[in-house]
């Protein structure tokens, strides 16, 4: 299940990285223009919307349930199947987002940056970070499985928390990538 979930998350996350790089390129990599965009109604909806709020709520729910499962409090209830059924919510959510991303791509509605040397490099860095995160999140889940003696709920909840946190913070992660490589871009442009 982790492999399938990772692929769905990867598709969704790549779409998000491409969008945020598109927005940075549209604003000419200037922080003042980028931040001004979030003063508009359209810009505010990018950061504060129902889906982002829902994912933040899920982070909190999975965190609490993971703690309860870790301390084996969760299993004292007579209805752990309700909690177990929550495991299918994140893959379903990312399945829908991945399908929408693929549909937008085929219909040429996907907002992607114009391919330049800079954007190509930033896209590659973003994808490398995604792949690294998938492996790191998998290692964290394996560690949690080990310390909880194979408790699936603890491990799955931790995986979902990691992916949702990365998802919610994607605008900041992409902005950090842009800022990190901006001095190099200016240097090469001046040469």
C-alpha atoms as a PDB file:
ATOM      1  CA  UNK A   1       0.000   0.000   0.000  1.00  0.00           C
ATOM      2  CA  UNK A   2       2.898   2.339   0.764  1.00  0.00           C
ATOM      3  CA  UNK A   3       4.216   2.017  -2.798  1.00  0.00           C
ATOM      4  CA  UNK A   4       0.860   2.895  -4.380  1.00  0.00           C
ATOM      5  CA  UNK A   5       0.292   5.721  -1.929  1.00  0.00           C
ATOM      6  CA  UNK A   6       3.780   7.092  -2.649  1.00  0.00           C
ATOM      7  CA  UNK A   7       3.125   7.108  -6.395  1.00  0.00           C
ATOM      8  CA  UNK A   8      -0.179   8.943  -5.953  1.00  0.00           C
ATOM      9  CA  UNK A   9       1.455  11.450  -3.611  1.00  0.00           C
ATOM     10  CA  UNK A  10       4.386  11.880  -6.009  1.00  0.00           C
ATOM     11  CA  UNK A  11       2.049  12.693  -8.933  1.00  0.00           C
ATOM     12  CA  UNK A  12       0.081  15.178  -6.839  1.00  0.00           C
ATOM     13  CA  UNK A  13       3.193  16.728  -5.336  1.00  0.00           C
ATOM     14  CA  UNK A  14       4.942  17.107  -8.691  1.00  0.00           C
ATOM     15  CA  UNK A  15       1.886  18.963  -9.970  1.00  0.00           C
ATOM     16  CA  UNK A  16       2.067  21.249  -6.927  1.00  0.00           C
ATOM     17  CA  UNK A  17       5.802  21.904  -7.354  1.00  0.00           C
ATOM     18  CA  UNK A  18       5.280  22.748 -11.028  1.00  0.00           C
ATOM     19  CA  UNK A  19       2.483  25.144 -10.102  1.00  0.00           C
ATOM     20  CA  UNK A  20       4.503  26.956  -7.430  1.00  0.00           C
ATOM     21  CA  UNK A  21       7.491  27.252  -9.770  1.00  0.00           C
ATOM     22  CA  UNK A  22       5.103  28.587 -12.421  1.00  0.00           C
ATOM     23  CA  UNK A  23       3.897  31.220  -9.974  1.00  0.00           C
ATOM     24  CA  UNK A  24       7.451  32.191  -8.996  1.00  0.00           C
ATOM     25  CA  UNK A  25       8.401  32.475 -12.667  1.00  0.00           C
ATOM     26  CA  UNK A  26       5.264  34.505 -13.375  1.00  0.00           C
ATOM     27  CA  UNK A  27       6.291  36.902 -10.601  1.00  0.00           C
ATOM     28  CA  UNK A  28       9.832  37.030 -12.068  1.00  0.00           C
ATOM     29  CA  UNK A  29      11.307  35.389  -8.943  1.00  0.00           C
ATOM     30  CA  UNK A  30      10.742  38.611  -7.018  1.00  0.00           C
ATOM     31  CA  UNK A  31       9.562  38.146  -3.456  1.00  0.00           C
ATOM     32  CA  UNK A  32       7.652  41.442  -3.390  1.00  0.00           C
ATOM     33  CA  UNK A  33       5.568  40.446  -6.424  1.00  0.00           C
ATOM     34  CA  UNK A  34       5.153  36.919  -5.119  1.00  0.00           C
ATOM     35  CA  UNK A  35       3.863  38.136  -1.738  1.00  0.00           C
ATOM     36  CA  UNK A  36       1.630  40.755  -3.383  1.00  0.00           C
ATOM     37  CA  UNK A  37      -0.145  37.931  -5.155  1.00  0.00           C
ATOM     38  CA  UNK A  38      -1.375  36.646  -1.786  1.00  0.00           C
ATOM     39  CA  UNK A  39      -3.067  39.935  -1.034  1.00  0.00           C
ATOM     40  CA  UNK A  40      -5.547  39.201  -3.824  1.00  0.00           C
ATOM     41  CA  UNK A  41      -8.596  37.025  -3.291  1.00  0.00           C
ATOM     42  CA  UNK A  42      -7.292  34.436  -5.748  1.00  0.00           C
ATOM     43  CA  UNK A  43      -3.931  34.350  -3.978  1.00  0.00           C
ATOM     44  CA  UNK A  44      -5.516  33.923  -0.549  1.00  0.00           C
ATOM     45  CA  UNK A  45      -7.508  30.930  -1.812  1.00  0.00           C
ATOM     46  CA  UNK A  46      -4.253  29.229  -2.815  1.00  0.00           C
ATOM     47  CA  UNK A  47      -3.077  29.124   0.783  1.00  0.00           C
ATOM     48  CA  UNK A  48      -6.321  29.030   2.718  1.00  0.00           C
ATOM     49  CA  UNK A  49      -8.917  26.712   1.247  1.00  0.00           C
ATOM     50  CA  UNK A  50     -11.076  23.796   2.331  1.00  0.00           C
ATOM     51  CA  UNK A  51      -8.678  21.135   1.078  1.00  0.00           C
ATOM     52  CA  UNK A  52      -5.675  22.583   2.924  1.00  0.00           C
ATOM     53  CA  UNK A  53      -7.782  22.959   6.061  1.00  0.00           C
ATOM     54  CA  UNK A  54      -8.995  19.354   5.707  1.00  0.00           C
ATOM     55  CA  UNK A  55      -5.399  18.114   5.402  1.00  0.00           C
ATOM     56  CA  UNK A  56      -4.365  20.071   8.496  1.00  0.00           C
ATOM     57  CA  UNK A  57      -7.266  18.504  10.408  1.00  0.00           C
ATOM     58  CA  UNK A  58      -6.158  15.066   9.180  1.00  0.00           C
ATOM     59  CA  UNK A  59      -2.598  15.753  10.377  1.00  0.00           C
ATOM     60  CA  UNK A  60      -3.967  16.481  13.831  1.00  0.00           C
ATOM     61  CA  UNK A  61      -6.304  13.431  13.809  1.00  0.00           C
ATOM     62  CA  UNK A  62      -3.570  11.058  12.635  1.00  0.00           C
ATOM     63  CA  UNK A  63      -1.140  12.484  15.173  1.00  0.00           C
ATOM     64  CA  UNK A  64      -3.574  11.911  18.049  1.00  0.00           C
ATOM     65  CA  UNK A  65      -4.555   8.453  16.787  1.00  0.00           C
ATOM     66  CA  UNK A  66      -0.895   7.542  16.292  1.00  0.00           C
ATOM     67  CA  UNK A  67      -0.114   8.508  19.880  1.00  0.00           C
ATOM     68  CA  UNK A  68      -3.139   6.558  21.130  1.00  0.00           C
ATOM     69  CA  UNK A  69      -2.105   3.528  19.071  1.00  0.00           C
ATOM     70  CA  UNK A  70       1.500   3.815  20.261  1.00  0.00           C
ATOM     71  CA  UNK A  71       0.406   3.713  23.899  1.00  0.00           C
ATOM     72  CA  UNK A  72      -2.136   1.001  23.042  1.00  0.00           C
ATOM     73  CA  UNK A  73      -5.021   3.133  24.289  1.00  0.00           C
ATOM     74  CA  UNK A  74      -6.683   2.954  20.878  1.00  0.00           C
ATOM     75  CA  UNK A  75      -7.106  -0.815  21.130  1.00  0.00           C
ATOM     76  CA  UNK A  76      -9.081  -0.590  24.356  1.00  0.00           C
ATOM     77  CA  UNK A  77     -12.068   0.711  22.392  1.00  0.00           C
ATOM     78  CA  UNK A  78     -14.522  -1.750  20.903  1.00  0.00           C
ATOM     79  CA  UNK A  79     -14.501   0.012  17.544  1.00  0.00           C
ATOM     80  CA  UNK A  80     -10.911   0.099  16.232  1.00  0.00           C
ATOM     81  CA  UNK A  81     -12.259  -0.729  12.747  1.00  0.00           C
ATOM     82  CA  UNK A  82     -13.515   2.860  12.520  1.00  0.00           C
ATOM     83  CA  UNK A  83      -9.975   4.094  13.130  1.00  0.00           C
ATOM     84  CA  UNK A  84      -8.590   1.466  10.768  1.00  0.00           C
ATOM     85  CA  UNK A  85     -10.952   2.673   8.032  1.00  0.00           C
ATOM     86  CA  UNK A  86      -9.342   6.124   8.274  1.00  0.00           C
ATOM     87  CA  UNK A  87      -6.242   4.558   6.717  1.00  0.00           C
ATOM     88  CA  UNK A  88      -8.043   4.440   3.375  1.00  0.00           C
ATOM     89  CA  UNK A  89      -8.895   8.154   3.382  1.00  0.00           C
ATOM     90  CA  UNK A  90      -5.437   9.574   2.472  1.00  0.00           C
ATOM     91  CA  UNK A  91      -4.841   7.170  -0.459  1.00  0.00           C
ATOM     92  CA  UNK A  92      -8.325   7.945  -1.759  1.00  0.00           C
ATOM     93  CA  UNK A  93      -7.732  11.685  -1.399  1.00  0.00           C
ATOM     94  CA  UNK A  94      -4.389  11.513  -3.220  1.00  0.00           C
ATOM     95  CA  UNK A  95      -5.925   9.227  -5.839  1.00  0.00           C
ATOM     96  CA  UNK A  96      -8.483  11.928  -6.630  1.00  0.00           C
ATOM     97  CA  UNK A  97      -5.804  14.635  -6.683  1.00  0.00           C
ATOM     98  CA  UNK A  98      -3.511  12.528  -8.887  1.00  0.00           C
ATOM     99  CA  UNK A  99      -6.356  11.816 -11.332  1.00  0.00           C
ATOM    100  CA  UNK A 100      -7.174  15.534 -11.461  1.00  0.00           C
ATOM    101  CA  UNK A 101      -3.496  16.325 -12.095  1.00  0.00           C
ATOM    102  CA  UNK A 102      -3.270  13.766 -14.901  1.00  0.00           C
ATOM    103  CA  UNK A 103      -6.569  15.003 -16.371  1.00  0.00           C
ATOM    104  CA  UNK A 104      -5.341  18.615 -16.281  1.00  0.00           C
ATOM    105  CA  UNK A 105      -2.111  17.500 -17.919  1.00  0.00           C
ATOM    106  CA  UNK A 106      -3.865  15.718 -20.778  1.00  0.00           C
ATOM    107  CA  UNK A 107      -6.252  18.654 -21.258  1.00  0.00           C
ATOM    108  CA  UNK A 108      -3.298  21.071 -21.218  1.00  0.00           C
ATOM    109  CA  UNK A 109      -4.766  22.924 -18.211  1.00  0.00           C
ATOM    110  CA  UNK A 110      -1.780  22.193 -15.998  1.00  0.00           C
ATOM    111  CA  UNK A 111       0.012  25.357 -14.948  1.00  0.00           C
ATOM    112  CA  UNK A 112       3.703  24.724 -15.456  1.00  0.00           C
ATOM    113  CA  UNK A 113       6.632  27.107 -15.765  1.00  0.00           C
ATOM    114  CA  UNK A 114       8.118  27.864 -19.164  1.00  0.00           C
ATOM    115  CA  UNK A 115      11.060  25.523 -19.489  1.00  0.00           C
ATOM    116  CA  UNK A 116      14.337  27.385 -19.144  1.00  0.00           C
ATOM    117  CA  UNK A 117      17.667  26.229 -17.745  1.00  0.00           C
ATOM    118  CA  UNK A 118      16.720  27.700 -14.390  1.00  0.00           C
ATOM    119  CA  UNK A 119      13.251  26.159 -14.205  1.00  0.00           C
ATOM    120  CA  UNK A 120      14.545  22.823 -15.445  1.00  0.00           C
ATOM    121  CA  UNK A 121      17.138  22.833 -12.671  1.00  0.00           C
ATOM    122  CA  UNK A 122      14.563  23.860 -10.042  1.00  0.00           C
ATOM    123  CA  UNK A 123      12.146  21.146 -11.206  1.00  0.00           C
ATOM    124  CA  UNK A 124      14.882  18.517 -10.969  1.00  0.00           C
ATOM    125  CA  UNK A 125      15.807  19.709  -7.461  1.00  0.00           C
ATOM    126  CA  UNK A 126      12.121  19.593  -6.439  1.00  0.00           C
ATOM    127  CA  UNK A 127      11.717  16.053  -7.779  1.00  0.00           C
ATOM    128  CA  UNK A 128      14.911  14.903  -6.041  1.00  0.00           C
ATOM    129  CA  UNK A 129      13.591  16.323  -2.771  1.00  0.00           C
ATOM    130  CA  UNK A 130      10.280  14.500  -3.308  1.00  0.00           C
ATOM    131  CA  UNK A 131      12.043  11.181  -3.938  1.00  0.00           C
ATOM    132  CA  UNK A 132      14.324  11.689  -0.942  1.00  0.00           C
ATOM    133  CA  UNK A 133      11.298  12.490   1.209  1.00  0.00           C
ATOM    134  CA  UNK A 134       9.490   9.313   0.100  1.00  0.00           C
ATOM    135  CA  UNK A 135      12.486   7.216   1.140  1.00  0.00           C
ATOM    136  CA  UNK A 136      12.961   9.137   4.408  1.00  0.00           C
ATOM    137  CA  UNK A 137       9.279   8.824   5.250  1.00  0.00           C
ATOM    138  CA  UNK A 138       9.429   5.100   4.494  1.00  0.00           C
ATOM    139  CA  UNK A 139      12.440   4.708   6.793  1.00  0.00           C
ATOM    140  CA  UNK A 140      10.614   6.613   9.536  1.00  0.00           C
ATOM    141  CA  UNK A 141       7.592   4.340   9.133  1.00  0.00           C
ATOM    142  CA  UNK A 142       9.808   1.239   9.281  1.00  0.00           C
ATOM    143  CA  UNK A 143      11.400   2.580  12.453  1.00  0.00           C
ATOM    144  CA  UNK A 144       7.975   3.150  14.004  1.00  0.00           C
ATOM    145  CA  UNK A 145       6.887  -0.346  12.953  1.00  0.00           C
ATOM    146  CA  UNK A 146       9.991  -1.713  14.693  1.00  0.00           C
ATOM    147  CA  UNK A 147       9.564   0.185  17.958  1.00  0.00           C
ATOM    148  CA  UNK A 148       5.854  -0.658  18.105  1.00  0.00           C
ATOM    149  CA  UNK A 149       6.523  -4.320  17.266  1.00  0.00           C
ATOM    150  CA  UNK A 150       4.737  -4.198  13.917  1.00  0.00           C
ATOM    151  CA  UNK A 151       1.788  -1.980  14.812  1.00  0.00           C
ATOM    152  CA  UNK A 152       0.360  -1.077  11.419  1.00  0.00           C
ATOM    153  CA  UNK A 153      -1.744   1.816  12.640  1.00  0.00           C
ATOM    154  CA  UNK A 154       1.207   3.652  14.206  1.00  0.00           C
ATOM    155  CA  UNK A 155       3.323   3.237  11.091  1.00  0.00           C
ATOM    156  CA  UNK A 156       0.546   4.175   8.669  1.00  0.00           C
ATOM    157  CA  UNK A 157      -0.478   7.206  10.689  1.00  0.00           C
ATOM    158  CA  UNK A 158       3.129   8.420  10.761  1.00  0.00           C
ATOM    159  CA  UNK A 159       3.456   7.976   6.987  1.00  0.00           C
ATOM    160  CA  UNK A 160       0.289   9.964   6.373  1.00  0.00           C
ATOM    161  CA  UNK A 161       1.364  12.716   8.748  1.00  0.00           C
ATOM    162  CA  UNK A 162       4.680  13.058   6.920  1.00  0.00           C
ATOM    163  CA  UNK A 163       3.103  13.223   3.473  1.00  0.00           C
ATOM    164  CA  UNK A 164       0.401  15.668   4.566  1.00  0.00           C
ATOM    165  CA  UNK A 165       2.925  17.953   6.295  1.00  0.00           C
ATOM    166  CA  UNK A 166       5.100  18.025   3.154  1.00  0.00           C
ATOM    167  CA  UNK A 167       1.959  18.652   1.103  1.00  0.00           C
ATOM    168  CA  UNK A 168       0.768  21.582   3.240  1.00  0.00           C
ATOM    169  CA  UNK A 169       4.256  23.130   3.314  1.00  0.00           C
ATOM    170  CA  UNK A 170       4.937  22.720  -0.424  1.00  0.00           C
ATOM    171  CA  UNK A 171       4.711  26.491  -1.106  1.00  0.00           C
ATOM    172  CA  UNK A 172       7.365  27.106   1.552  1.00  0.00           C
ATOM    173  CA  UNK A 173       9.543  24.228   0.330  1.00  0.00           C
ATOM    174  CA  UNK A 174       9.442  25.467  -3.274  1.00  0.00           C
ATOM    175  CA  UNK A 175      10.129  29.026  -2.117  1.00  0.00           C
ATOM    176  CA  UNK A 176      13.135  27.778  -0.135  1.00  0.00           C
ATOM    177  CA  UNK A 177      14.457  26.018  -3.238  1.00  0.00           C
ATOM    178  CA  UNK A 178      14.048  29.223  -5.267  1.00  0.00           C
ATOM    179  CA  UNK A 179      15.771  31.337  -2.578  1.00  0.00           C
ATOM    180  CA  UNK A 180      18.579  28.833  -2.134  1.00  0.00           C
ATOM    181  CA  UNK A 181      19.532  28.940  -5.798  1.00  0.00           C
ATOM    182  CA  UNK A 182      18.732  32.604  -6.467  1.00  0.00           C
ATOM    183  CA  UNK A 183      22.291  33.859  -5.668  1.00  0.00           C
ATOM    184  CA  UNK A 184      23.722  31.348  -8.141  1.00  0.00           C
ATOM    185  CA  UNK A 185      21.255  32.464 -10.792  1.00  0.00           C
ATOM    186  CA  UNK A 186      22.203  36.118 -10.318  1.00  0.00           C
ATOM    187  CA  UNK A 187      25.896  35.222 -10.429  1.00  0.00           C
ATOM    188  CA  UNK A 188      25.570  33.267 -13.690  1.00  0.00           C
ATOM    189  CA  UNK A 189      23.353  35.927 -15.232  1.00  0.00           C
ATOM    190  CA  UNK A 190      25.956  38.606 -14.455  1.00  0.00           C
ATOM    191  CA  UNK A 191      28.678  36.497 -16.028  1.00  0.00           C
END
